[in-house]
Amino acid sequence: MVREQVAATVSNLLDENAEYVAVLWVNGAMNSSETLALGPKESSNVSFEISPEEGSYEVRIDRLSGILSVSSQEGASFVWWLTISIPLFAVLNASFFFVWRRRKRRRELGVAFD
């Protein structure tokens, strides 16, 4: 399963200490939250780690939102490997077979090798 990180920077614009509850929303449903204690004019990063299935998701922290697209990289690389290796294996086998057959025929006819 793919692990993704969603992050944002939270800033306290006040001249006094403040607490902020950062809430991660995924497709309109609350996923997780974290409480940050910030000093006057202080900023801090907040991040959430999620493990979504393959697909597209709307993610939001407060008013900051975006689309998270998850694709199966392991599956894609495996399919790519199969797509390349099977035809390559067939071509190599055919090449070795034709070279072997040609040499065998030349041996039978008593012809010298190239």
PDB file of N, CA and C in Angstrom:
ATOM      1  N   MET A   1       0.842  -1.172   0.000  1.00  0.00           N
ATOM      2  CA  MET A   1       0.000   0.000   0.000  1.00  0.00           C
ATOM      3  C   MET A   1       0.892   1.241   0.000  1.00  0.00           C
ATOM      4  N   VAL A   2       0.488   2.238  -0.741  1.00  0.00           N
ATOM      5  CA  VAL A   2       1.240   3.477  -0.873  1.00  0.00           C
ATOM      6  C   VAL A   2       0.968   4.382   0.328  1.00  0.00           C
ATOM      7  N   ARG A   3       2.024   4.997   0.856  1.00  0.00           N
ATOM      8  CA  ARG A   3       1.860   5.955   1.961  1.00  0.00           C
ATOM      9  C   ARG A   3       2.107   7.348   1.391  1.00  0.00           C
ATOM     10  N   GLU A   4       1.188   8.259   1.666  1.00  0.00           N
ATOM     11  CA  GLU A   4       1.286   9.632   1.178  1.00  0.00           C
ATOM     12  C   GLU A   4       1.304  10.594   2.352  1.00  0.00           C
ATOM     13  N   GLN A   5       1.977  11.725   2.162  1.00  0.00           N
ATOM     14  CA  GLN A   5       2.042  12.741   3.204  1.00  0.00           C
ATOM     15  C   GLN A   5       1.338  13.998   2.705  1.00  0.00           C
ATOM     16  N   VAL A   6       0.442  14.535   3.542  1.00  0.00           N
ATOM     17  CA  VAL A   6      -0.257  15.785   3.263  1.00  0.00           C
ATOM     18  C   VAL A   6       0.232  16.786   4.300  1.00  0.00           C
ATOM     19  N   ALA A   7       0.743  17.940   3.853  1.00  0.00           N
ATOM     20  CA  ALA A   7       1.352  18.898   4.784  1.00  0.00           C
ATOM     21  C   ALA A   7       0.878  20.316   4.502  1.00  0.00           C
ATOM     22  N   ALA A   8       0.959  21.152   5.531  1.00  0.00           N
ATOM     23  CA  ALA A   8       0.617  22.573   5.417  1.00  0.00           C
ATOM     24  C   ALA A   8       1.413  23.345   6.461  1.00  0.00           C
ATOM     25  N   THR A   9       1.530  24.641   6.253  1.00  0.00           N
ATOM     26  CA  THR A   9       2.154  25.529   7.229  1.00  0.00           C
ATOM     27  C   THR A   9       1.058  26.321   7.925  1.00  0.00           C
ATOM     28  N   VAL A  10       1.084  26.313   9.257  1.00  0.00           N
ATOM     29  CA  VAL A  10       0.101  27.031  10.070  1.00  0.00           C
ATOM     30  C   VAL A  10       0.811  28.227  10.698  1.00  0.00           C
ATOM     31  N   SER A  11       0.207  29.407  10.584  1.00  0.00           N
ATOM     32  CA  SER A  11       0.806  30.632  11.132  1.00  0.00           C
ATOM     33  C   SER A  11      -0.126  31.280  12.146  1.00  0.00           C
ATOM     34  N   ASN A  12       0.460  31.733  13.252  1.00  0.00           N
ATOM     35  CA  ASN A  12      -0.273  32.504  14.253  1.00  0.00           C
ATOM     36  C   ASN A  12      -0.040  33.979  13.935  1.00  0.00           C
ATOM     37  N   LEU A  13      -1.060  34.674  13.486  1.00  0.00           N
ATOM     38  CA  LEU A  13      -0.929  36.078  13.113  1.00  0.00           C
ATOM     39  C   LEU A  13      -1.153  37.021  14.292  1.00  0.00           C
ATOM     40  N   LEU A  14      -1.454  36.460  15.459  1.00  0.00           N
ATOM     41  CA  LEU A  14      -1.731  37.259  16.653  1.00  0.00           C
ATOM     42  C   LEU A  14      -0.446  37.644  17.379  1.00  0.00           C
ATOM     43  N   ASP A  15      -0.559  38.614  18.287  1.00  0.00           N
ATOM     44  CA  ASP A  15       0.577  39.033  19.114  1.00  0.00           C
ATOM     45  C   ASP A  15       0.585  38.302  20.453  1.00  0.00           C
ATOM     46  N   GLU A  16      -0.076  37.176  20.528  1.00  0.00           N
ATOM     47  CA  GLU A  16      -0.146  36.382  21.759  1.00  0.00           C
ATOM     48  C   GLU A  16      -0.129  34.901  21.405  1.00  0.00           C
ATOM     49  N   ASN A  17       0.133  34.055  22.395  1.00  0.00           N
ATOM     50  CA  ASN A  17       0.140  32.604  22.180  1.00  0.00           C
ATOM     51  C   ASN A  17      -1.242  32.147  21.731  1.00  0.00           C
ATOM     52  N   ALA A  18      -1.248  31.107  20.906  1.00  0.00           N
ATOM     53  CA  ALA A  18      -2.528  30.580  20.425  1.00  0.00           C
ATOM     54  C   ALA A  18      -2.390  29.092  20.141  1.00  0.00           C
ATOM     55  N   GLU A  19      -3.503  28.397  20.200  1.00  0.00           N
ATOM     56  CA  GLU A  19      -3.565  26.985  19.804  1.00  0.00           C
ATOM     57  C   GLU A  19      -4.390  26.889  18.537  1.00  0.00           C
ATOM     58  N   TYR A  20      -3.963  25.986  17.671  1.00  0.00           N
ATOM     59  CA  TYR A  20      -4.696  25.767  16.427  1.00  0.00           C
ATOM     60  C   TYR A  20      -4.897  24.274  16.263  1.00  0.00           C
ATOM     61  N   VAL A  21      -6.098  23.879  15.932  1.00  0.00           N
ATOM     62  CA  VAL A  21      -6.384  22.471  15.662  1.00  0.00           C
ATOM     63  C   VAL A  21      -6.423  22.304  14.146  1.00  0.00           C
ATOM     64  N   ALA A  22      -5.412  21.625  13.613  1.00  0.00           N
ATOM     65  CA  ALA A  22      -5.359  21.344  12.178  1.00  0.00           C
ATOM     66  C   ALA A  22      -6.104  20.040  11.928  1.00  0.00           C
ATOM     67  N   VAL A  23      -7.070  20.090  11.027  1.00  0.00           N
ATOM     68  CA  VAL A  23      -7.888  18.916  10.718  1.00  0.00           C
ATOM     69  C   VAL A  23      -7.673  18.548   9.255  1.00  0.00           C
ATOM     70  N   LEU A  24      -7.371  17.286   9.007  1.00  0.00           N
ATOM     71  CA  LEU A  24      -7.244  16.776   7.642  1.00  0.00           C
ATOM     72  C   LEU A  24      -8.573  16.168   7.230  1.00  0.00           C
ATOM     73  N   TRP A  25      -9.097  16.662   6.117  1.00  0.00           N
ATOM     74  CA  TRP A  25     -10.336  16.141   5.544  1.00  0.00           C
ATOM     75  C   TRP A  25      -9.978  15.433   4.242  1.00  0.00           C
ATOM     76  N   VAL A  26     -10.500  14.236   4.036  1.00  0.00           N
ATOM     77  CA  VAL A  26     -10.293  13.481   2.803  1.00  0.00           C
ATOM     78  C   VAL A  26     -11.669  13.166   2.235  1.00  0.00           C
ATOM     79  N   ASN A  27     -11.933  13.683   1.036  1.00  0.00           N
ATOM     80  CA  ASN A  27     -13.238  13.521   0.376  1.00  0.00           C
ATOM     81  C   ASN A  27     -14.398  13.934   1.288  1.00  0.00           C
ATOM     82  N   GLY A  28     -14.214  15.037   2.005  1.00  0.00           N
ATOM     83  CA  GLY A  28     -15.275  15.588   2.836  1.00  0.00           C
ATOM     84  C   GLY A  28     -15.447  14.935   4.193  1.00  0.00           C
ATOM     85  N   ALA A  29     -14.646  13.944   4.515  1.00  0.00           N
ATOM     86  CA  ALA A  29     -14.748  13.266   5.817  1.00  0.00           C
ATOM     87  C   ALA A  29     -13.490  13.554   6.633  1.00  0.00           C
ATOM     88  N   MET A  30     -13.689  13.826   7.931  1.00  0.00           N
ATOM     89  CA  MET A  30     -12.543  14.083   8.798  1.00  0.00           C
ATOM     90  C   MET A  30     -11.687  12.819   8.908  1.00  0.00           C
ATOM     91  N   ASN A  31     -10.385  12.979   8.623  1.00  0.00           N
ATOM     92  CA  ASN A  31      -9.470  11.841   8.653  1.00  0.00           C
ATOM     93  C   ASN A  31      -8.667  11.818   9.941  1.00  0.00           C
ATOM     94  N   SER A  32      -8.052  12.955  10.298  1.00  0.00           N
ATOM     95  CA  SER A  32      -7.268  13.052  11.532  1.00  0.00           C
ATOM     96  C   SER A  32      -7.056  14.524  11.877  1.00  0.00           C
ATOM     97  N   SER A  33      -6.550  14.751  13.091  1.00  0.00           N
ATOM     98  CA  SER A  33      -6.310  16.134  13.521  1.00  0.00           C
ATOM     99  C   SER A  33      -5.074  16.193  14.411  1.00  0.00           C
ATOM    100  N   GLU A  34      -4.536  17.403  14.531  1.00  0.00           N
ATOM    101  CA  GLU A  34      -3.373  17.634  15.385  1.00  0.00           C
ATOM    102  C   GLU A  34      -3.478  19.043  15.960  1.00  0.00           C
ATOM    103  N   THR A  35      -3.224  19.172  17.258  1.00  0.00           N
ATOM    104  CA  THR A  35      -3.272  20.476  17.917  1.00  0.00           C
ATOM    105  C   THR A  35      -1.870  21.064  17.985  1.00  0.00           C
ATOM    106  N   LEU A  36      -1.745  22.318  17.533  1.00  0.00           N
ATOM    107  CA  LEU A  36      -0.455  23.011  17.534  1.00  0.00           C
ATOM    108  C   LEU A  36      -0.521  24.187  18.497  1.00  0.00           C
ATOM    109  N   ALA A  37       0.500  24.353  19.330  1.00  0.00           N
ATOM    110  CA  ALA A  37       0.633  25.524  20.196  1.00  0.00           C
ATOM    111  C   ALA A  37       1.656  26.446  19.550  1.00  0.00           C
ATOM    112  N   LEU A  38       1.221  27.658  19.202  1.00  0.00           N
ATOM    113  CA  LEU A  38       2.088  28.594  18.493  1.00  0.00           C
ATOM    114  C   LEU A  38       2.272  29.868  19.306  1.00  0.00           C
ATOM    115  N   GLY A  39       3.502  30.362  19.311  1.00  0.00           N
ATOM    116  CA  GLY A  39       3.788  31.641  19.948  1.00  0.00           C
ATOM    117  C   GLY A  39       3.347  32.790  19.050  1.00  0.00           C
ATOM    118  N   PRO A  40       3.483  34.028  19.522  1.00  0.00           N
ATOM    119  CA  PRO A  40       3.106  35.191  18.724  1.00  0.00           C
ATOM    120  C   PRO A  40       3.875  35.246  17.402  1.00  0.00           C
ATOM    121  N   LYS A  41       3.155  35.422  16.309  1.00  0.00           N
ATOM    122  CA  LYS A  41       3.726  35.539  14.949  1.00  0.00           C
ATOM    123  C   LYS A  41       4.553  34.315  14.546  1.00  0.00           C
ATOM    124  N   GLU A  42       4.311  33.194  15.166  1.00  0.00           N
ATOM    125  CA  GLU A  42       5.075  31.971  14.899  1.00  0.00           C
ATOM    126  C   GLU A  42       4.351  31.127  13.849  1.00  0.00           C
ATOM    127  N   SER A  43       5.141  30.384  13.063  1.00  0.00           N
ATOM    128  CA  SER A  43       4.606  29.440  12.080  1.00  0.00           C
ATOM    129  C   SER A  43       5.152  28.058  12.372  1.00  0.00           C
ATOM    130  N   SER A  44       4.394  27.050  11.986  1.00  0.00           N
ATOM    131  CA  SER A  44       4.824  25.665  12.182  1.00  0.00           C
ATOM    132  C   SER A  44       4.238  24.803  11.072  1.00  0.00           C
ATOM    133  N   ASN A  45       4.966  23.771  10.729  1.00  0.00           N
ATOM    134  CA  ASN A  45       4.467  22.827   9.726  1.00  0.00           C
ATOM    135  C   ASN A  45       3.671  21.731  10.409  1.00  0.00           C
ATOM    136  N   VAL A  46       2.624  21.294   9.753  1.00  0.00           N
ATOM    137  CA  VAL A  46       1.836  20.163  10.230  1.00  0.00           C
ATOM    138  C   VAL A  46       1.744  19.179   9.069  1.00  0.00           C
ATOM    139  N   SER A  47       1.884  17.897   9.363  1.00  0.00           N
ATOM    140  CA  SER A  47       1.779  16.900   8.296  1.00  0.00           C
ATOM    141  C   SER A  47       1.017  15.684   8.797  1.00  0.00           C
ATOM    142  N   PHE A  48       0.323  15.082   7.873  1.00  0.00           N
ATOM    143  CA  PHE A  48      -0.456  13.881   8.147  1.00  0.00           C
ATOM    144  C   PHE A  48      -0.031  12.824   7.145  1.00  0.00           C
ATOM    145  N   GLU A  49       0.078  11.592   7.608  1.00  0.00           N
ATOM    146  CA  GLU A  49       0.412  10.483   6.721  1.00  0.00           C
ATOM    147  C   GLU A  49      -0.823   9.619   6.546  1.00  0.00           C
ATOM    148  N   ILE A  50      -1.158   9.349   5.285  1.00  0.00           N
ATOM    149  CA  ILE A  50      -2.322   8.518   4.984  1.00  0.00           C
ATOM    150  C   ILE A  50      -1.900   7.406   4.034  1.00  0.00           C
ATOM    151  N   SER A  51      -2.693   6.354   3.978  1.00  0.00           N
ATOM    152  CA  SER A  51      -2.426   5.210   3.095  1.00  0.00           C
ATOM    153  C   SER A  51      -3.650   4.949   2.225  1.00  0.00           C
ATOM    154  N   PRO A  52      -3.855   5.797   1.223  1.00  0.00           N
ATOM    155  CA  PRO A  52      -5.042   5.632   0.388  1.00  0.00           C
ATOM    156  C   PRO A  52      -4.883   4.531  -0.651  1.00  0.00           C
ATOM    157  N   GLU A  53      -6.008   4.003  -1.078  1.00  0.00           N
ATOM    158  CA  GLU A  53      -6.023   3.060  -2.194  1.00  0.00           C
ATOM    159  C   GLU A  53      -5.799   3.856  -3.483  1.00  0.00           C
ATOM    160  N   GLU A  54      -5.622   3.159  -4.599  1.00  0.00           N
ATOM    161  CA  GLU A  54      -5.447   3.811  -5.886  1.00  0.00           C
ATOM    162  C   GLU A  54      -6.691   4.629  -6.226  1.00  0.00           C
ATOM    163  N   GLY A  55      -6.500   5.852  -6.705  1.00  0.00           N
ATOM    164  CA  GLY A  55      -7.618   6.717  -7.078  1.00  0.00           C
ATOM    165  C   GLY A  55      -7.285   8.175  -6.836  1.00  0.00           C
ATOM    166  N   SER A  56      -8.294   9.040  -6.951  1.00  0.00           N
ATOM    167  CA  SER A  56      -8.139  10.477  -6.716  1.00  0.00           C
ATOM    168  C   SER A  56      -8.929  10.876  -5.482  1.00  0.00           C
ATOM    169  N   TYR A  57      -8.344  11.778  -4.688  1.00  0.00           N
ATOM    170  CA  TYR A  57      -8.953  12.202  -3.436  1.00  0.00           C
ATOM    171  C   TYR A  57      -8.865  13.717  -3.311  1.00  0.00           C
ATOM    172  N   GLU A  58      -9.924  14.334  -2.768  1.00  0.00           N
ATOM    173  CA  GLU A  58      -9.867  15.742  -2.410  1.00  0.00           C
ATOM    174  C   GLU A  58      -9.374  15.797  -0.967  1.00  0.00           C
ATOM    175  N   VAL A  59      -8.241  16.460  -0.747  1.00  0.00           N
ATOM    176  CA  VAL A  59      -7.698  16.597   0.604  1.00  0.00           C
ATOM    177  C   VAL A  59      -7.755  18.072   0.988  1.00  0.00           C
ATOM    178  N   ARG A  60      -8.008  18.325   2.285  1.00  0.00           N
ATOM    179  CA  ARG A  60      -8.151  19.706   2.742  1.00  0.00           C
ATOM    180  C   ARG A  60      -7.674  19.827   4.178  1.00  0.00           C
ATOM    181  N   ILE A  61      -6.914  20.887   4.438  1.00  0.00           N
ATOM    182  CA  ILE A  61      -6.559  21.297   5.796  1.00  0.00           C
ATOM    183  C   ILE A  61      -7.020  22.745   5.900  1.00  0.00           C
ATOM    184  N   ASP A  62      -8.029  23.000   6.722  1.00  0.00           N
ATOM    185  CA  ASP A  62      -8.673  24.311   6.847  1.00  0.00           C
ATOM    186  C   ASP A  62      -9.166  24.744   5.470  1.00  0.00           C
ATOM    187  N   ARG A  63      -8.684  25.868   4.938  1.00  0.00           N
ATOM    188  CA  ARG A  63      -9.146  26.329   3.625  1.00  0.00           C
ATOM    189  C   ARG A  63      -8.182  25.946   2.507  1.00  0.00           C
ATOM    190  N   LEU A  64      -7.115  25.268   2.840  1.00  0.00           N
ATOM    191  CA  LEU A  64      -6.128  24.839   1.852  1.00  0.00           C
ATOM    192  C   LEU A  64      -6.524  23.458   1.351  1.00  0.00           C
ATOM    193  N   SER A  65      -6.813  23.358   0.042  1.00  0.00           N
ATOM    194  CA  SER A  65      -7.271  22.065  -0.485  1.00  0.00           C
ATOM    195  C   SER A  65      -6.562  21.738  -1.791  1.00  0.00           C
ATOM    196  N   GLY A  66      -6.625  20.485  -2.157  1.00  0.00           N
ATOM    197  CA  GLY A  66      -6.021  20.026  -3.394  1.00  0.00           C
ATOM    198  C   GLY A  66      -6.490  18.621  -3.712  1.00  0.00           C
ATOM    199  N   ILE A  67      -6.049  18.123  -4.853  1.00  0.00           N
ATOM    200  CA  ILE A  67      -6.395  16.773  -5.301  1.00  0.00           C
ATOM    201  C   ILE A  67      -5.158  15.896  -5.165  1.00  0.00           C
ATOM    202  N   LEU A  68      -5.317  14.765  -4.528  1.00  0.00           N
ATOM    203  CA  LEU A  68      -4.253  13.775  -4.384  1.00  0.00           C
ATOM    204  C   LEU A  68      -4.589  12.610  -5.298  1.00  0.00           C
ATOM    205  N   SER A  69      -3.703  12.330  -6.265  1.00  0.00           N
ATOM    206  CA  SER A  69      -3.896  11.199  -7.177  1.00  0.00           C
ATOM    207  C   SER A  69      -2.905  10.110  -6.814  1.00  0.00           C
ATOM    208  N   VAL A  70      -3.414   8.923  -6.587  1.00  0.00           N
ATOM    209  CA  VAL A  70      -2.582   7.790  -6.187  1.00  0.00           C
ATOM    210  C   VAL A  70      -2.673   6.730  -7.270  1.00  0.00           C
ATOM    211  N   SER A  71      -1.508   6.323  -7.769  1.00  0.00           N
ATOM    212  CA  SER A  71      -1.474   5.230  -8.741  1.00  0.00           C
ATOM    213  C   SER A  71      -0.614   4.116  -8.176  1.00  0.00           C
ATOM    214  N   SER A  72      -0.862   2.924  -8.620  1.00  0.00           N
ATOM    215  CA  SER A  72      -0.132   1.764  -8.123  1.00  0.00           C
ATOM    216  C   SER A  72       1.191   1.661  -8.861  1.00  0.00           C
ATOM    217  N   GLN A  73       2.241   2.250  -8.297  1.00  0.00           N
ATOM    218  CA  GLN A  73       3.548   2.219  -8.931  1.00  0.00           C
ATOM    219  C   GLN A  73       4.121   0.808  -8.996  1.00  0.00           C
ATOM    220  N   GLU A  74       3.931   0.038  -7.938  1.00  0.00           N
ATOM    221  CA  GLU A  74       4.439  -1.335  -7.943  1.00  0.00           C
ATOM    222  C   GLU A  74       3.760  -2.140  -9.035  1.00  0.00           C
ATOM    223  N   GLY A  75       2.458  -2.012  -9.131  1.00  0.00           N
ATOM    224  CA  GLY A  75       1.719  -2.728 -10.167  1.00  0.00           C
ATOM    225  C   GLY A  75       2.120  -2.271 -11.550  1.00  0.00           C
ATOM    226  N   ALA A  76       2.319  -0.952 -11.715  1.00  0.00           N
ATOM    227  CA  ALA A  76       2.689  -0.417 -13.016  1.00  0.00           C
ATOM    228  C   ALA A  76       4.067  -0.914 -13.426  1.00  0.00           C
ATOM    229  N   SER A  77       5.030  -0.915 -12.506  1.00  0.00           N
ATOM    230  CA  SER A  77       6.369  -1.371 -12.868  1.00  0.00           C
ATOM    231  C   SER A  77       6.371  -2.868 -13.154  1.00  0.00           C
ATOM    232  N   PHE A  78       5.559  -3.637 -12.442  1.00  0.00           N
ATOM    233  CA  PHE A  78       5.477  -5.074 -12.694  1.00  0.00           C
ATOM    234  C   PHE A  78       4.896  -5.347 -14.075  1.00  0.00           C
ATOM    235  N   VAL A  79       3.813  -4.630 -14.431  1.00  0.00           N
ATOM    236  CA  VAL A  79       3.202  -4.798 -15.756  1.00  0.00           C
ATOM    237  C   VAL A  79       4.184  -4.378 -16.829  1.00  0.00           C
ATOM    238  N   TRP A  80       4.910  -3.253 -16.613  1.00  0.00           N
ATOM    239  CA  TRP A  80       5.892  -2.794 -17.579  1.00  0.00           C
ATOM    240  C   TRP A  80       6.974  -3.854 -17.760  1.00  0.00           C
ATOM    241  N   TRP A  81       7.434  -4.444 -16.651  1.00  0.00           N
ATOM    242  CA  TRP A  81       8.464  -5.469 -16.726  1.00  0.00           C
ATOM    243  C   TRP A  81       7.979  -6.658 -17.548  1.00  0.00           C
ATOM    244  N   LEU A  82       6.733  -7.096 -17.315  1.00  0.00           N
ATOM    245  CA  LEU A  82       6.186  -8.210 -18.087  1.00  0.00           C
ATOM    246  C   LEU A  82       6.031  -7.854 -19.555  1.00  0.00           C
ATOM    247  N   THR A  83       5.582  -6.629 -19.837  1.00  0.00           N
ATOM    248  CA  THR A  83       5.368  -6.193 -21.216  1.00  0.00           C
ATOM    249  C   THR A  83       6.670  -6.213 -21.999  1.00  0.00           C
ATOM    250  N   ILE A  84       7.768  -5.841 -21.367  1.00  0.00           N
ATOM    251  CA  ILE A  84       9.067  -5.821 -22.044  1.00  0.00           C
ATOM    252  C   ILE A  84       9.709  -7.202 -22.064  1.00  0.00           C
ATOM    253  N   SER A  85       9.675  -7.923 -20.952  1.00  0.00           N
ATOM    254  CA  SER A  85      10.456  -9.153 -20.843  1.00  0.00           C
ATOM    255  C   SER A  85       9.889 -10.314 -21.648  1.00  0.00           C
ATOM    256  N   ILE A  86       8.582 -10.444 -21.742  1.00  0.00           N
ATOM    257  CA  ILE A  86       8.014 -11.583 -22.480  1.00  0.00           C
ATOM    258  C   ILE A  86       8.354 -11.509 -23.968  1.00  0.00           C
ATOM    259  N   PRO A  87       8.117 -10.366 -24.665  1.00  0.00           N
ATOM    260  CA  PRO A  87       8.523 -10.317 -26.077  1.00  0.00           C
ATOM    261  C   PRO A  87      10.037 -10.432 -26.255  1.00  0.00           C
ATOM    262  N   LEU A  88      10.813  -9.829 -25.345  1.00  0.00           N
ATOM    263  CA  LEU A  88      12.265  -9.917 -25.435  1.00  0.00           C
ATOM    264  C   LEU A  88      12.720 -11.366 -25.299  1.00  0.00           C
ATOM    265  N   PHE A  89      12.137 -12.096 -24.363  1.00  0.00           N
ATOM    266  CA  PHE A  89      12.451 -13.506 -24.176  1.00  0.00           C
ATOM    267  C   PHE A  89      12.129 -14.303 -25.446  1.00  0.00           C
ATOM    268  N   ALA A  90      10.990 -14.015 -26.064  1.00  0.00           N
ATOM    269  CA  ALA A  90      10.589 -14.720 -27.290  1.00  0.00           C
ATOM    270  C   ALA A  90      11.564 -14.433 -28.429  1.00  0.00           C
ATOM    271  N   VAL A  91      11.977 -13.178 -28.583  1.00  0.00           N
ATOM    272  CA  VAL A  91      12.920 -12.812 -29.651  1.00  0.00           C
ATOM    273  C   VAL A  91      14.270 -13.480 -29.421  1.00  0.00           C
ATOM    274  N   LEU A  92      14.764 -13.462 -28.180  1.00  0.00           N
ATOM    275  CA  LEU A  92      16.050 -14.103 -27.894  1.00  0.00           C
ATOM    276  C   LEU A  92      15.993 -15.604 -28.136  1.00  0.00           C
ATOM    277  N   ASN A  93      14.915 -16.242 -27.723  1.00  0.00           N
ATOM    278  CA  ASN A  93      14.776 -17.681 -27.967  1.00  0.00           C
ATOM    279  C   ASN A  93      14.748 -17.985 -29.454  1.00  0.00           C
ATOM    280  N   ALA A  94      14.006 -17.191 -30.211  1.00  0.00           N
ATOM    281  CA  ALA A  94      13.942 -17.411 -31.659  1.00  0.00           C
ATOM    282  C   ALA A  94      15.317 -17.217 -32.285  1.00  0.00           C
ATOM    283  N   SER A  95      16.051 -16.192 -31.853  1.00  0.00           N
ATOM    284  CA  SER A  95      17.392 -15.937 -32.398  1.00  0.00           C
ATOM    285  C   SER A  95      18.332 -17.097 -32.106  1.00  0.00           C
ATOM    286  N   PHE A  96      18.354 -17.567 -30.857  1.00  0.00           N
ATOM    287  CA  PHE A  96      19.209 -18.697 -30.507  1.00  0.00           C
ATOM    288  C   PHE A  96      18.817 -19.952 -31.286  1.00  0.00           C
ATOM    289  N   PHE A  97      17.521 -20.157 -31.470  1.00  0.00           N
ATOM    290  CA  PHE A  97      17.060 -21.329 -32.207  1.00  0.00           C
ATOM    291  C   PHE A  97      17.563 -21.283 -33.651  1.00  0.00           C
ATOM    292  N   PHE A  98      17.434 -20.122 -34.318  1.00  0.00           N
ATOM    293  CA  PHE A  98      17.864 -20.023 -35.713  1.00  0.00           C
ATOM    294  C   PHE A  98      19.376 -20.163 -35.850  1.00  0.00           C
ATOM    295  N   VAL A  99      20.142 -19.595 -34.921  1.00  0.00           N
ATOM    296  CA  VAL A  99      21.601 -19.746 -34.958  1.00  0.00           C
ATOM    297  C   VAL A  99      21.970 -21.208 -34.735  1.00  0.00           C
ATOM    298  N   TRP A 100      21.334 -21.840 -33.737  1.00  0.00           N
ATOM    299  CA  TRP A 100      21.607 -23.251 -33.458  1.00  0.00           C
ATOM    300  C   TRP A 100      21.276 -24.106 -34.674  1.00  0.00           C
ATOM    301  N   ARG A 101      20.108 -23.884 -35.303  1.00  0.00           N
ATOM    302  CA  ARG A 101      19.691 -24.673 -36.467  1.00  0.00           C
ATOM    303  C   ARG A 101      20.645 -24.459 -37.639  1.00  0.00           C
ATOM    304  N   ARG A 102      21.088 -23.206 -37.839  1.00  0.00           N
ATOM    305  CA  ARG A 102      21.997 -22.913 -38.947  1.00  0.00           C
ATOM    306  C   ARG A 102      23.330 -23.628 -38.744  1.00  0.00           C
ATOM    307  N   ARG A 103      23.854 -23.579 -37.515  1.00  0.00           N
ATOM    308  CA  ARG A 103      25.139 -24.250 -37.238  1.00  0.00           C
ATOM    309  C   ARG A 103      25.008 -25.767 -37.363  1.00  0.00           C
ATOM    310  N   LYS A 104      23.894 -26.287 -36.909  1.00  0.00           N
ATOM    311  CA  LYS A 104      23.674 -27.730 -37.010  1.00  0.00           C
ATOM    312  C   LYS A 104      23.642 -28.152 -38.479  1.00  0.00           C
ATOM    313  N   ARG A 105      22.942 -27.373 -39.282  1.00  0.00           N
ATOM    314  CA  ARG A 105      22.840 -27.692 -40.715  1.00  0.00           C
ATOM    315  C   ARG A 105      24.217 -27.608 -41.378  1.00  0.00           C
ATOM    316  N   ARG A 106      25.001 -26.583 -41.017  1.00  0.00           N
ATOM    317  CA  ARG A 106      26.339 -26.447 -41.605  1.00  0.00           C
ATOM    318  C   ARG A 106      27.239 -27.608 -41.197  1.00  0.00           C
ATOM    319  N   ARG A 107      27.104 -28.053 -39.927  1.00  0.00           N
ATOM    320  CA  ARG A 107      27.888 -29.201 -39.481  1.00  0.00           C
ATOM    321  C   ARG A 107      27.537 -30.439 -40.302  1.00  0.00           C
ATOM    322  N   GLU A 108      26.238 -30.606 -40.538  1.00  0.00           N
ATOM    323  CA  GLU A 108      25.788 -31.766 -41.317  1.00  0.00           C
ATOM    324  C   GLU A 108      26.321 -31.714 -42.742  1.00  0.00           C
ATOM    325  N   LEU A 109      26.438 -30.493 -43.291  1.00  0.00           N
ATOM    326  CA  LEU A 109      26.925 -30.341 -44.662  1.00  0.00           C
ATOM    327  C   LEU A 109      28.444 -30.243 -44.736  1.00  0.00           C
ATOM    328  N   GLY A 110      29.106 -30.119 -43.559  1.00  0.00           N
ATOM    329  CA  GLY A 110      30.563 -30.017 -43.530  1.00  0.00           C
ATOM    330  C   GLY A 110      31.068 -28.635 -43.898  1.00  0.00           C
ATOM    331  N   VAL A 111      30.264 -27.610 -43.675  1.00  0.00           N
ATOM    332  CA  VAL A 111      30.654 -26.232 -43.999  1.00  0.00           C
ATOM    333  C   VAL A 111      31.295 -25.603 -42.761  1.00  0.00           C
ATOM    334  N   ALA A 112      32.353 -24.798 -42.979  1.00  0.00           N
ATOM    335  CA  ALA A 112      33.032 -24.112 -41.873  1.00  0.00           C
ATOM    336  C   ALA A 112      32.127 -23.022 -41.297  1.00  0.00           C
ATOM    337  N   PHE A 113      32.329 -22.731 -40.008  1.00  0.00           N
ATOM    338  CA  PHE A 113      31.535 -21.693 -39.330  1.00  0.00           C
ATOM    339  C   PHE A 113      32.025 -20.305 -39.701  1.00  0.00           C
ATOM    340  N   ASP A 114      31.109 -19.313 -39.628  1.00  0.00           N
ATOM    341  CA  ASP A 114      31.457 -17.906 -39.894  1.00  0.00           C
ATOM    342  C   ASP A 114      32.319 -17.357 -38.800  1.00  0.00           C
TER     343      ASP A 114
END
